[in-house]
Amino acid sequence: MSSGELGCIYASLILHDDGIPITAEKISTLLKAADVTVESYWPSLFAKLTQSKNVDDLVLNAGAAGGAAVVSAGGAAPAAAGAAAAEAPAEAKKEEAKEESDDDMGFSLFD
């Protein structure tokens, strides 16, 4: 995937997150502000895609089979990172709970 395609994905997600209608002009404006160069047709393709599909569904179903290839590829990495980040604290809490239960018993492995 080129940086231009990835830039369009991120620009589309930024606009969607802010509740701004996703248009080719707005995608282009964000790309120019980020100093990302793209082929002239990419912003209009992404604008048309997001008008015909629900962006929330594209992001939430990024890992599902048969999802939109272009947007799901961009949404998969953030979704996977978010899932990994959500799992890490849960695992840390479980480990802390184990340590606390050892203390409750009045002894530790390192006493």
Protein backbone atom coordinates (compact mmCIF):
# COMPACT_ATOMS: atom_id res chain seq x y z
CA MET A 1 0.00 0.00 0.00
CA SER A 2 1.40 3.38 -0.92
CA SER A 3 1.68 6.33 1.44
CA GLY A 4 -0.92 8.12 -0.70
CA GLU A 5 -3.50 5.39 -0.16
CA LEU A 6 -2.72 5.25 3.54
CA GLY A 7 -2.98 9.03 3.73
CA CYS A 8 -6.44 8.90 2.14
CA ILE A 9 -7.53 6.23 4.61
CA TYR A 10 -6.35 8.30 7.57
CA ALA A 11 -7.86 11.50 6.17
CA SER A 12 -11.20 9.72 5.68
CA LEU A 13 -11.11 8.38 9.22
CA ILE A 14 -10.24 11.81 10.65
CA LEU A 15 -13.13 13.44 8.81
CA HIS A 16 -15.52 10.69 9.89
CA ASP A 17 -14.37 10.90 13.51
CA ASP A 18 -14.99 14.65 13.55
CA GLY A 19 -18.44 14.21 11.98
CA ILE A 20 -17.42 16.11 8.83
CA PRO A 21 -18.80 14.89 5.50
CA ILE A 22 -16.09 13.04 3.60
CA THR A 23 -15.47 14.71 0.26
CA ALA A 24 -12.57 14.61 -2.17
CA GLU A 25 -11.84 18.28 -1.48
CA LYS A 26 -11.65 17.77 2.28
CA ILE A 27 -9.47 14.68 1.91
CA SER A 28 -7.17 16.67 -0.39
CA THR A 29 -7.03 19.53 2.11
CA LEU A 30 -5.97 17.20 4.91
CA LEU A 31 -3.38 15.54 2.70
CA LYS A 32 -1.90 18.89 1.71
CA ALA A 33 -1.75 19.95 5.36
CA ALA A 34 0.10 16.71 6.17
CA ASP A 35 2.41 17.20 3.16
CA VAL A 36 1.34 13.89 1.61
CA THR A 37 1.35 13.66 -2.17
CA VAL A 38 -1.15 11.37 -3.87
CA GLU A 39 -2.35 10.64 -7.34
CA SER A 40 -5.19 13.02 -8.17
CA TYR A 41 -7.80 10.25 -8.39
CA TRP A 42 -7.31 8.79 -4.88
CA PRO A 43 -9.27 11.40 -2.88
CA SER A 44 -12.31 11.09 -5.14
CA LEU A 45 -12.21 7.28 -5.01
CA PHE A 46 -12.09 7.29 -1.22
CA ALA A 47 -14.86 9.90 -1.04
CA LYS A 48 -17.08 7.76 -3.28
CA LEU A 49 -16.31 4.64 -1.24
CA THR A 50 -17.20 6.29 2.05
CA GLN A 51 -20.43 7.69 0.62
CA SER A 52 -21.57 4.25 -0.52
CA LYS A 53 -20.48 2.40 2.65
CA ASN A 54 -20.91 3.01 6.37
CA VAL A 55 -17.44 3.89 7.70
CA ASP A 56 -18.24 2.49 11.16
CA ASP A 57 -19.10 -0.87 9.61
CA LEU A 58 -15.89 -0.83 7.56
CA VAL A 59 -13.79 -0.21 10.66
CA LEU A 60 -15.63 -2.65 12.90
CA ASN A 61 -15.59 -5.43 10.30
CA ALA A 62 -12.00 -4.86 9.21
CA GLY A 63 -10.95 -8.41 10.05
CA ALA A 64 -14.07 -10.08 8.70
CA ALA A 65 -13.86 -12.05 5.50
CA GLY A 66 -15.17 -10.25 2.45
CA GLY A 67 -14.74 -6.75 3.90
CA ALA A 68 -13.82 -3.77 1.75
CA ALA A 69 -10.18 -4.34 0.84
CA VAL A 70 -9.04 -0.73 0.69
CA VAL A 71 -10.50 0.68 3.90
CA SER A 72 -10.29 -2.54 5.90
CA ALA A 73 -6.57 -2.67 5.29
CA GLY A 74 -6.16 0.75 6.83
CA GLY A 75 -8.59 0.06 9.64
CA ALA A 76 -7.08 -3.31 10.50
CA ALA A 77 -3.85 -2.00 12.00
CA PRO A 78 -5.49 0.51 14.35
CA ALA A 79 -8.17 -2.00 15.28
CA ALA A 80 -5.58 -4.68 16.00
CA ALA A 81 -3.47 -2.23 18.00
CA GLY A 82 -6.52 -1.20 19.99
CA ALA A 83 -7.44 -4.80 20.70
CA ALA A 84 -3.90 -5.61 21.81
CA ALA A 85 -3.83 -2.54 24.03
CA ALA A 86 -7.14 -3.55 25.59
CA GLU A 87 -5.90 -7.07 26.30
CA ALA A 88 -2.58 -5.99 27.84
CA PRO A 89 -4.10 -4.18 30.86
CA ALA A 90 -6.46 -7.07 31.48
CA GLU A 91 -3.54 -9.50 31.60
CA ALA A 92 -1.60 -7.15 33.88
CA LYS A 93 -4.57 -6.99 36.25
CA LYS A 94 -4.77 -10.79 36.36
CA GLU A 95 -1.06 -11.00 37.24
CA GLU A 96 -1.49 -8.37 39.96
CA ALA A 97 -4.40 -10.35 41.36
CA LYS A 98 -2.17 -13.45 41.59
CA GLU A 99 0.51 -11.52 43.45
CA GLU A 100 -2.05 -10.10 45.85
CA SER A 101 -3.42 -13.57 46.59
CA ASP A 102 0.09 -14.75 47.51
CA ASP A 103 0.41 -11.86 49.95
CA ASP A 104 -2.93 -12.75 51.49
CA MET A 105 -1.66 -16.22 52.32
CA GLY A 106 1.13 -14.79 54.46
CA PHE A 107 4.08 -15.96 52.39
CA SER A 108 5.86 -15.22 49.13
CA LEU A 109 8.25 -17.09 46.90
CA PHE A 110 10.97 -14.57 47.71
CA ASP A 111 10.76 -14.63 51.55
